[in-house]
N, C-alpha and C. Protein backbone atom coordinates (compact mmCIF):
# COMPACT_ATOMS: atom_id res chain seq x y z
N MET A 1 12.74 229.05 -26.86
CA MET A 1 12.06 229.64 -25.70
C MET A 1 10.77 230.32 -26.19
N PRO A 2 9.61 229.95 -25.60
CA PRO A 2 8.35 230.55 -26.04
C PRO A 2 8.27 232.04 -25.70
N GLU A 3 7.62 232.76 -26.58
CA GLU A 3 7.48 234.20 -26.38
C GLU A 3 6.44 234.48 -25.31
N GLN A 4 6.77 235.33 -24.34
CA GLN A 4 5.85 235.65 -23.26
C GLN A 4 4.93 236.79 -23.67
N LYS A 5 3.66 236.68 -23.24
CA LYS A 5 2.71 237.74 -23.53
C LYS A 5 2.96 238.91 -22.59
N LYS A 6 2.83 240.12 -23.14
CA LYS A 6 2.99 241.31 -22.32
C LYS A 6 1.73 241.55 -21.51
N TYR A 7 1.91 241.97 -20.28
CA TYR A 7 0.75 242.28 -19.44
C TYR A 7 0.17 243.63 -19.86
N THR A 8 -1.13 243.66 -20.03
CA THR A 8 -1.81 244.92 -20.31
C THR A 8 -2.75 245.24 -19.16
N VAL A 9 -2.78 246.49 -18.80
CA VAL A 9 -3.61 246.93 -17.69
C VAL A 9 -5.08 246.79 -18.07
N LYS A 10 -5.89 246.29 -17.14
CA LYS A 10 -7.32 246.12 -17.41
C LYS A 10 -8.00 247.47 -17.48
N LYS A 11 -9.00 247.54 -18.33
CA LYS A 11 -9.75 248.78 -18.53
C LYS A 11 -10.50 249.15 -17.25
N LYS A 12 -10.47 250.42 -16.89
CA LYS A 12 -11.16 250.92 -15.70
C LYS A 12 -12.41 251.69 -16.12
N PRO A 13 -13.45 251.67 -15.29
CA PRO A 13 -14.68 252.39 -15.65
C PRO A 13 -14.56 253.88 -15.38
N LYS A 14 -15.37 254.65 -16.09
CA LYS A 14 -15.47 256.08 -15.81
C LYS A 14 -16.60 256.25 -14.81
N LEU A 15 -16.24 256.57 -13.59
CA LEU A 15 -17.22 256.66 -12.50
C LEU A 15 -17.47 258.11 -12.12
N THR A 16 -18.73 258.38 -11.75
CA THR A 16 -19.05 259.69 -11.19
C THR A 16 -18.51 259.74 -9.76
N ALA A 17 -18.40 260.93 -9.22
CA ALA A 17 -17.90 261.08 -7.86
C ALA A 17 -18.81 260.35 -6.87
N GLU A 18 -20.12 260.39 -7.15
CA GLU A 18 -21.09 259.74 -6.27
C GLU A 18 -20.87 258.22 -6.25
N LYS A 19 -20.68 257.62 -7.43
CA LYS A 19 -20.49 256.17 -7.51
C LYS A 19 -19.17 255.75 -6.88
N LYS A 20 -18.14 256.57 -7.07
CA LYS A 20 -16.84 256.27 -6.49
C LYS A 20 -16.93 256.23 -4.97
N LYS A 21 -17.63 257.24 -4.42
CA LYS A 21 -17.80 257.33 -2.97
C LYS A 21 -18.64 256.15 -2.45
N ALA A 22 -19.69 255.79 -3.22
CA ALA A 22 -20.55 254.68 -2.82
C ALA A 22 -19.79 253.35 -2.83
N LEU A 23 -18.92 253.14 -3.82
CA LEU A 23 -18.11 251.92 -3.87
C LEU A 23 -17.15 251.83 -2.68
N GLU A 24 -16.53 252.96 -2.33
CA GLU A 24 -15.63 252.99 -1.17
C GLU A 24 -16.39 252.68 0.11
N LEU A 25 -17.59 253.27 0.23
CA LEU A 25 -18.42 253.03 1.41
C LEU A 25 -18.84 251.56 1.48
N ARG A 26 -19.21 250.98 0.33
CA ARG A 26 -19.62 249.57 0.30
C ARG A 26 -18.46 248.68 0.73
N ASN A 27 -17.25 248.99 0.28
CA ASN A 27 -16.08 248.19 0.67
C ASN A 27 -15.82 248.28 2.17
N GLU A 28 -16.01 249.46 2.75
CA GLU A 28 -15.86 249.62 4.21
C GLU A 28 -16.93 248.82 4.95
N MET A 29 -18.17 248.89 4.43
CA MET A 29 -19.27 248.17 5.07
C MET A 29 -19.06 246.66 5.00
N ASN A 30 -18.45 246.18 3.92
CA ASN A 30 -18.22 244.74 3.78
C ASN A 30 -17.28 244.21 4.85
N LEU A 31 -16.39 245.06 5.36
CA LEU A 31 -15.48 244.63 6.41
C LEU A 31 -16.22 244.40 7.72
N ASP A 32 -17.25 245.22 7.99
CA ASP A 32 -18.00 245.12 9.25
C ASP A 32 -19.18 244.16 9.18
N ARG A 33 -19.64 243.87 7.97
CA ARG A 33 -20.83 243.03 7.80
C ARG A 33 -20.54 241.60 8.23
N PRO A 34 -21.38 241.01 9.08
CA PRO A 34 -21.13 239.63 9.51
C PRO A 34 -21.41 238.64 8.39
N GLU A 35 -20.88 237.43 8.55
CA GLU A 35 -21.22 236.37 7.61
C GLU A 35 -22.56 235.79 8.05
N PHE A 36 -23.47 235.70 7.13
CA PHE A 36 -24.80 235.18 7.47
C PHE A 36 -24.85 233.70 7.11
N HIS A 37 -25.04 232.87 8.13
CA HIS A 37 -25.13 231.43 7.92
C HIS A 37 -26.51 230.93 8.30
N ARG A 38 -26.85 229.79 7.77
CA ARG A 38 -28.12 229.16 8.10
C ARG A 38 -28.10 228.74 9.57
N GLN A 39 -29.28 228.72 10.16
CA GLN A 39 -29.43 228.31 11.55
C GLN A 39 -28.88 226.89 11.74
N GLN A 40 -28.02 226.70 12.72
CA GLN A 40 -27.37 225.43 13.07
C GLN A 40 -26.56 224.84 11.93
N TRP A 41 -25.97 225.68 11.09
CA TRP A 41 -25.13 225.20 10.00
C TRP A 41 -23.92 224.44 10.51
N PHE A 42 -23.46 224.79 11.72
CA PHE A 42 -22.27 224.17 12.29
C PHE A 42 -22.56 222.77 12.82
N ARG A 43 -23.83 222.47 13.07
CA ARG A 43 -24.18 221.20 13.68
C ARG A 43 -24.36 220.09 12.66
N TYR A 44 -24.99 220.41 11.52
CA TYR A 44 -25.29 219.39 10.52
C TYR A 44 -24.67 219.79 9.19
N GLY A 45 -23.74 219.00 8.72
CA GLY A 45 -23.05 219.31 7.48
C GLY A 45 -23.96 219.33 6.27
N ARG A 46 -25.02 218.54 6.32
CA ARG A 46 -25.92 218.44 5.17
C ARG A 46 -26.71 219.73 4.93
N LEU A 47 -26.77 220.60 5.93
CA LEU A 47 -27.52 221.85 5.78
C LEU A 47 -26.81 222.84 4.87
N GLY A 48 -25.50 222.86 4.89
CA GLY A 48 -24.75 223.85 4.12
C GLY A 48 -24.74 225.18 4.86
N GLU A 49 -23.93 226.10 4.39
CA GLU A 49 -23.78 227.38 5.06
C GLU A 49 -24.66 228.48 4.49
N GLU A 50 -25.26 228.27 3.32
CA GLU A 50 -26.02 229.33 2.67
C GLU A 50 -27.19 229.80 3.54
N TRP A 51 -27.49 231.06 3.46
CA TRP A 51 -28.50 231.67 4.32
C TRP A 51 -29.89 231.15 4.02
N ARG A 52 -30.60 230.79 5.07
CA ARG A 52 -32.02 230.49 5.01
C ARG A 52 -32.67 231.21 6.18
N LYS A 53 -33.84 231.75 5.95
CA LYS A 53 -34.52 232.46 7.02
C LYS A 53 -34.95 231.48 8.10
N PRO A 54 -34.66 231.78 9.37
CA PRO A 54 -35.06 230.86 10.44
C PRO A 54 -36.58 230.85 10.62
N VAL A 55 -37.13 229.66 10.71
CA VAL A 55 -38.56 229.51 10.96
C VAL A 55 -38.73 228.59 12.16
N GLY A 56 -39.84 228.70 12.81
CA GLY A 56 -40.09 227.86 13.97
C GLY A 56 -40.58 228.70 15.13
N ALA A 57 -41.58 228.18 15.81
CA ALA A 57 -42.22 228.93 16.89
C ALA A 57 -41.24 229.27 18.01
N HIS A 58 -40.31 228.35 18.31
CA HIS A 58 -39.43 228.54 19.46
C HIS A 58 -38.01 228.92 19.06
N SER A 59 -37.81 229.27 17.80
CA SER A 59 -36.47 229.54 17.28
C SER A 59 -35.86 230.80 17.92
N LYS A 60 -34.74 230.60 18.59
CA LYS A 60 -34.04 231.74 19.22
C LYS A 60 -33.43 232.63 18.14
N SER A 61 -33.00 232.01 17.05
CA SER A 61 -32.39 232.77 15.96
C SER A 61 -33.42 233.68 15.29
N ARG A 62 -34.64 233.17 15.09
CA ARG A 62 -35.70 233.98 14.48
C ARG A 62 -36.05 235.16 15.36
N ARG A 63 -36.00 234.93 16.68
CA ARG A 63 -36.35 235.99 17.61
C ARG A 63 -35.16 236.92 17.88
N SER A 64 -34.04 236.69 17.22
CA SER A 64 -32.84 237.54 17.30
C SER A 64 -32.32 237.70 18.72
N TRP A 65 -32.24 236.60 19.43
CA TRP A 65 -31.68 236.67 20.77
C TRP A 65 -30.20 236.98 20.67
N GLY A 66 -29.69 237.75 21.60
CA GLY A 66 -28.36 238.34 21.51
C GLY A 66 -27.22 237.37 21.30
N TYR A 67 -27.32 236.15 21.82
CA TYR A 67 -26.20 235.23 21.72
C TYR A 67 -26.24 234.43 20.42
N ARG A 68 -27.22 234.69 19.60
CA ARG A 68 -27.34 233.99 18.31
C ARG A 68 -26.72 234.83 17.20
N PRO A 69 -26.27 234.18 16.10
CA PRO A 69 -25.69 234.95 14.99
C PRO A 69 -26.70 235.91 14.38
N ALA A 70 -26.20 236.94 13.74
CA ALA A 70 -27.06 237.98 13.17
C ALA A 70 -27.92 237.44 12.02
N ASN A 71 -29.11 238.00 11.90
CA ASN A 71 -30.01 237.67 10.80
C ASN A 71 -29.89 238.72 9.70
N VAL A 72 -30.24 238.34 8.50
CA VAL A 72 -30.22 239.28 7.39
C VAL A 72 -31.32 240.31 7.59
N LYS A 73 -30.95 241.59 7.53
CA LYS A 73 -31.91 242.68 7.68
C LYS A 73 -31.52 243.79 6.72
N GLY A 74 -32.45 244.69 6.50
CA GLY A 74 -32.20 245.81 5.58
C GLY A 74 -31.09 246.72 6.02
N GLY A 75 -30.80 246.78 7.29
CA GLY A 75 -29.77 247.67 7.80
C GLY A 75 -28.37 247.30 7.36
N TYR A 76 -28.18 246.08 6.89
CA TYR A 76 -26.86 245.65 6.43
C TYR A 76 -26.65 245.96 4.95
N ARG A 77 -27.65 246.50 4.30
CA ARG A 77 -27.60 246.72 2.86
C ARG A 77 -26.61 247.82 2.49
N GLY A 78 -26.00 247.70 1.33
CA GLY A 78 -25.02 248.67 0.87
C GLY A 78 -25.69 249.89 0.26
N PRO A 79 -24.90 250.89 -0.12
CA PRO A 79 -25.46 252.10 -0.73
C PRO A 79 -26.12 251.81 -2.07
N ALA A 80 -27.22 252.51 -2.35
CA ALA A 80 -28.01 252.26 -3.56
C ALA A 80 -27.21 252.50 -4.83
N ALA A 81 -26.33 253.49 -4.82
CA ALA A 81 -25.55 253.82 -6.03
C ALA A 81 -24.56 252.71 -6.38
N ALA A 82 -24.15 251.91 -5.40
CA ALA A 82 -23.16 250.87 -5.65
C ALA A 82 -23.79 249.50 -5.85
N ARG A 83 -25.08 249.40 -5.71
CA ARG A 83 -25.74 248.10 -5.86
C ARG A 83 -25.66 247.60 -7.29
N ASP A 84 -25.50 246.31 -7.43
CA ASP A 84 -25.43 245.63 -8.73
C ASP A 84 -24.21 246.03 -9.54
N LEU A 85 -23.20 246.61 -8.91
CA LEU A 85 -21.95 246.92 -9.61
C LEU A 85 -20.90 245.86 -9.28
N HIS A 86 -20.09 245.55 -10.26
CA HIS A 86 -18.95 244.66 -10.06
C HIS A 86 -17.96 245.38 -9.14
N PRO A 87 -17.15 244.66 -8.36
CA PRO A 87 -16.19 245.34 -7.49
C PRO A 87 -15.27 246.33 -8.21
N SER A 88 -15.05 246.12 -9.51
CA SER A 88 -14.22 247.04 -10.27
C SER A 88 -14.94 248.36 -10.55
N GLY A 89 -16.27 248.38 -10.41
CA GLY A 89 -17.06 249.58 -10.65
C GLY A 89 -17.88 249.52 -11.93
N PHE A 90 -17.66 248.48 -12.73
CA PHE A 90 -18.43 248.32 -13.96
C PHE A 90 -19.82 247.75 -13.66
N GLU A 91 -20.77 248.10 -14.52
CA GLU A 91 -22.08 247.47 -14.49
C GLU A 91 -21.97 246.20 -15.34
N GLU A 92 -22.40 245.07 -14.79
CA GLU A 92 -22.26 243.80 -15.50
C GLU A 92 -23.41 243.58 -16.47
N VAL A 93 -23.08 243.13 -17.68
CA VAL A 93 -24.08 242.78 -18.69
C VAL A 93 -23.75 241.39 -19.21
N ARG A 94 -24.72 240.47 -19.12
CA ARG A 94 -24.49 239.11 -19.63
C ARG A 94 -24.69 239.09 -21.14
N VAL A 95 -23.80 238.39 -21.82
CA VAL A 95 -23.81 238.34 -23.27
C VAL A 95 -23.74 236.88 -23.71
N PHE A 96 -24.53 236.54 -24.74
CA PHE A 96 -24.53 235.17 -25.24
C PHE A 96 -24.08 235.07 -26.69
N ASN A 97 -23.98 236.20 -27.40
CA ASN A 97 -23.46 236.16 -28.76
C ASN A 97 -22.82 237.50 -29.12
N VAL A 98 -22.14 237.52 -30.26
CA VAL A 98 -21.36 238.69 -30.68
C VAL A 98 -22.26 239.90 -30.94
N ASP A 99 -23.48 239.66 -31.45
CA ASP A 99 -24.38 240.76 -31.79
C ASP A 99 -24.78 241.59 -30.58
N GLU A 100 -24.82 240.98 -29.41
CA GLU A 100 -25.25 241.69 -28.20
C GLU A 100 -24.20 242.70 -27.71
N LEU A 101 -22.98 242.62 -28.24
CA LEU A 101 -21.93 243.57 -27.84
C LEU A 101 -22.19 244.98 -28.36
N ALA A 102 -23.03 245.09 -29.40
CA ALA A 102 -23.31 246.39 -30.00
C ALA A 102 -24.00 247.35 -29.02
N ALA A 103 -24.77 246.80 -28.08
CA ALA A 103 -25.54 247.63 -27.15
C ALA A 103 -24.74 248.03 -25.91
N ILE A 104 -23.49 247.59 -25.79
CA ILE A 104 -22.68 247.83 -24.60
C ILE A 104 -22.02 249.22 -24.65
N LYS A 105 -22.04 249.91 -23.50
CA LYS A 105 -21.33 251.18 -23.36
C LYS A 105 -20.00 250.89 -22.66
N PRO A 106 -18.88 250.93 -23.40
CA PRO A 106 -17.59 250.50 -22.84
C PRO A 106 -17.11 251.33 -21.65
N ASP A 107 -17.59 252.56 -21.51
CA ASP A 107 -17.12 253.40 -20.40
C ASP A 107 -17.66 252.96 -19.05
N THR A 108 -18.89 252.43 -19.03
CA THR A 108 -19.53 252.11 -17.76
C THR A 108 -19.93 250.64 -17.63
N GLN A 109 -19.98 249.91 -18.74
CA GLN A 109 -20.45 248.53 -18.69
C GLN A 109 -19.35 247.55 -19.07
N ALA A 110 -19.38 246.39 -18.44
CA ALA A 110 -18.46 245.30 -18.76
C ALA A 110 -19.28 244.06 -19.08
N VAL A 111 -18.69 243.14 -19.80
CA VAL A 111 -19.40 241.96 -20.29
C VAL A 111 -19.05 240.74 -19.46
N ARG A 112 -20.06 239.94 -19.15
CA ARG A 112 -19.86 238.62 -18.57
C ARG A 112 -20.46 237.63 -19.56
N ILE A 113 -19.65 236.74 -20.08
CA ILE A 113 -20.11 235.79 -21.09
C ILE A 113 -20.92 234.70 -20.39
N GLY A 114 -22.08 234.36 -20.97
CA GLY A 114 -22.98 233.36 -20.40
C GLY A 114 -22.31 232.01 -20.25
N GLY A 115 -22.74 231.26 -19.26
CA GLY A 115 -22.14 229.96 -18.98
C GLY A 115 -22.41 228.90 -20.02
N THR A 116 -23.45 229.07 -20.81
CA THR A 116 -23.80 228.05 -21.81
C THR A 116 -23.13 228.32 -23.16
N VAL A 117 -22.32 229.36 -23.24
CA VAL A 117 -21.64 229.70 -24.50
C VAL A 117 -20.45 228.78 -24.68
N GLY A 118 -20.31 228.21 -25.87
CA GLY A 118 -19.22 227.29 -26.17
C GLY A 118 -17.91 228.00 -26.42
N ALA A 119 -16.84 227.20 -26.59
CA ALA A 119 -15.49 227.75 -26.72
C ALA A 119 -15.32 228.58 -27.98
N LYS A 120 -15.88 228.13 -29.09
CA LYS A 120 -15.70 228.85 -30.35
C LYS A 120 -16.35 230.23 -30.29
N LYS A 121 -17.61 230.26 -29.86
CA LYS A 121 -18.33 231.54 -29.78
C LYS A 121 -17.73 232.43 -28.69
N ARG A 122 -17.26 231.82 -27.61
CA ARG A 122 -16.60 232.58 -26.53
C ARG A 122 -15.38 233.31 -27.08
N GLY A 123 -14.58 232.62 -27.90
CA GLY A 123 -13.41 233.23 -28.51
C GLY A 123 -13.78 234.39 -29.41
N ASP A 124 -14.87 234.21 -30.19
CA ASP A 124 -15.34 235.28 -31.07
C ASP A 124 -15.78 236.50 -30.27
N ILE A 125 -16.50 236.25 -29.17
CA ILE A 125 -16.98 237.35 -28.32
C ILE A 125 -15.79 238.11 -27.72
N MET A 126 -14.80 237.37 -27.21
CA MET A 126 -13.64 238.03 -26.59
C MET A 126 -12.84 238.84 -27.62
N LYS A 127 -12.70 238.31 -28.83
CA LYS A 127 -11.96 239.03 -29.87
C LYS A 127 -12.68 240.32 -30.25
N LYS A 128 -13.99 240.24 -30.44
CA LYS A 128 -14.79 241.42 -30.80
C LYS A 128 -14.78 242.45 -29.67
N ALA A 129 -14.88 241.96 -28.42
CA ALA A 129 -14.87 242.86 -27.26
C ALA A 129 -13.54 243.61 -27.17
N ASP A 130 -12.43 242.93 -27.46
CA ASP A 130 -11.13 243.58 -27.45
C ASP A 130 -11.05 244.67 -28.52
N GLU A 131 -11.61 244.39 -29.68
CA GLU A 131 -11.61 245.39 -30.75
C GLU A 131 -12.42 246.63 -30.36
N MET A 132 -13.54 246.40 -29.66
CA MET A 132 -14.43 247.49 -29.29
C MET A 132 -14.00 248.18 -27.99
N GLY A 133 -13.00 247.63 -27.30
CA GLY A 133 -12.53 248.22 -26.05
C GLY A 133 -13.45 247.93 -24.88
N ILE A 134 -14.10 246.76 -24.90
CA ILE A 134 -15.02 246.35 -23.83
C ILE A 134 -14.30 245.36 -22.93
N ARG A 135 -14.46 245.51 -21.62
CA ARG A 135 -13.83 244.59 -20.68
C ARG A 135 -14.68 243.34 -20.50
N VAL A 136 -14.01 242.18 -20.55
CA VAL A 136 -14.68 240.88 -20.32
C VAL A 136 -14.31 240.43 -18.92
N LEU A 137 -15.32 240.23 -18.07
CA LEU A 137 -15.07 239.93 -16.66
C LEU A 137 -14.67 238.48 -16.43
N ASN A 138 -15.24 237.56 -17.20
CA ASN A 138 -14.91 236.14 -17.01
C ASN A 138 -14.12 235.61 -18.19
N ARG A 139 -13.02 236.26 -18.44
CA ARG A 139 -12.14 235.87 -19.53
C ARG A 139 -11.39 234.61 -19.14
N ARG A 140 -11.45 233.60 -19.99
CA ARG A 140 -10.68 232.37 -19.78
C ARG A 140 -9.69 232.24 -20.91
N LEU A 141 -8.46 231.97 -20.58
CA LEU A 141 -7.44 231.87 -21.63
C LEU A 141 -7.28 230.44 -22.08
C-alpha cells in the first residue's frame, strides 16, 4: 500500500487591518458586480464573451440604455488597497529562476512560476521556495 502524503496547511499572509478590510469589501463587491460581456456575445459564437468596448454611432449598449447589459466603468472598481492581490491576500510575484526567490518577502508575497519554465527548473524553484517558507501559487504535483 503506497504511503499517503500528509496534508499541510497553506501559508497565510500577514495582513494589515486595512488590507484585511479591503479584501473583505472586494469579496462583497464581487457578488454584486455584473458579468461584463461583449456586445451581442449571445448572438454570434465567434465573438466570444470577453469584454470589448461598444463602438458605433447607433449602439444602444454604448449609450448605456437601461435594457442593455452594464458597461465597464470606474464605479465597479474594487478598493485600492486590495488591487493586484491574490484572493488569498498575497501579492503575486512572477519568478523564472531560483535566484529570483532571494528578493521575495515570504510574509506578504507569494510566487507564481512563469509559464515558460520547464519541469526541472520548476521542481528546483518549488523545493527552494519550500525551504525559504515561500508560498507557490501555481504548484503542480
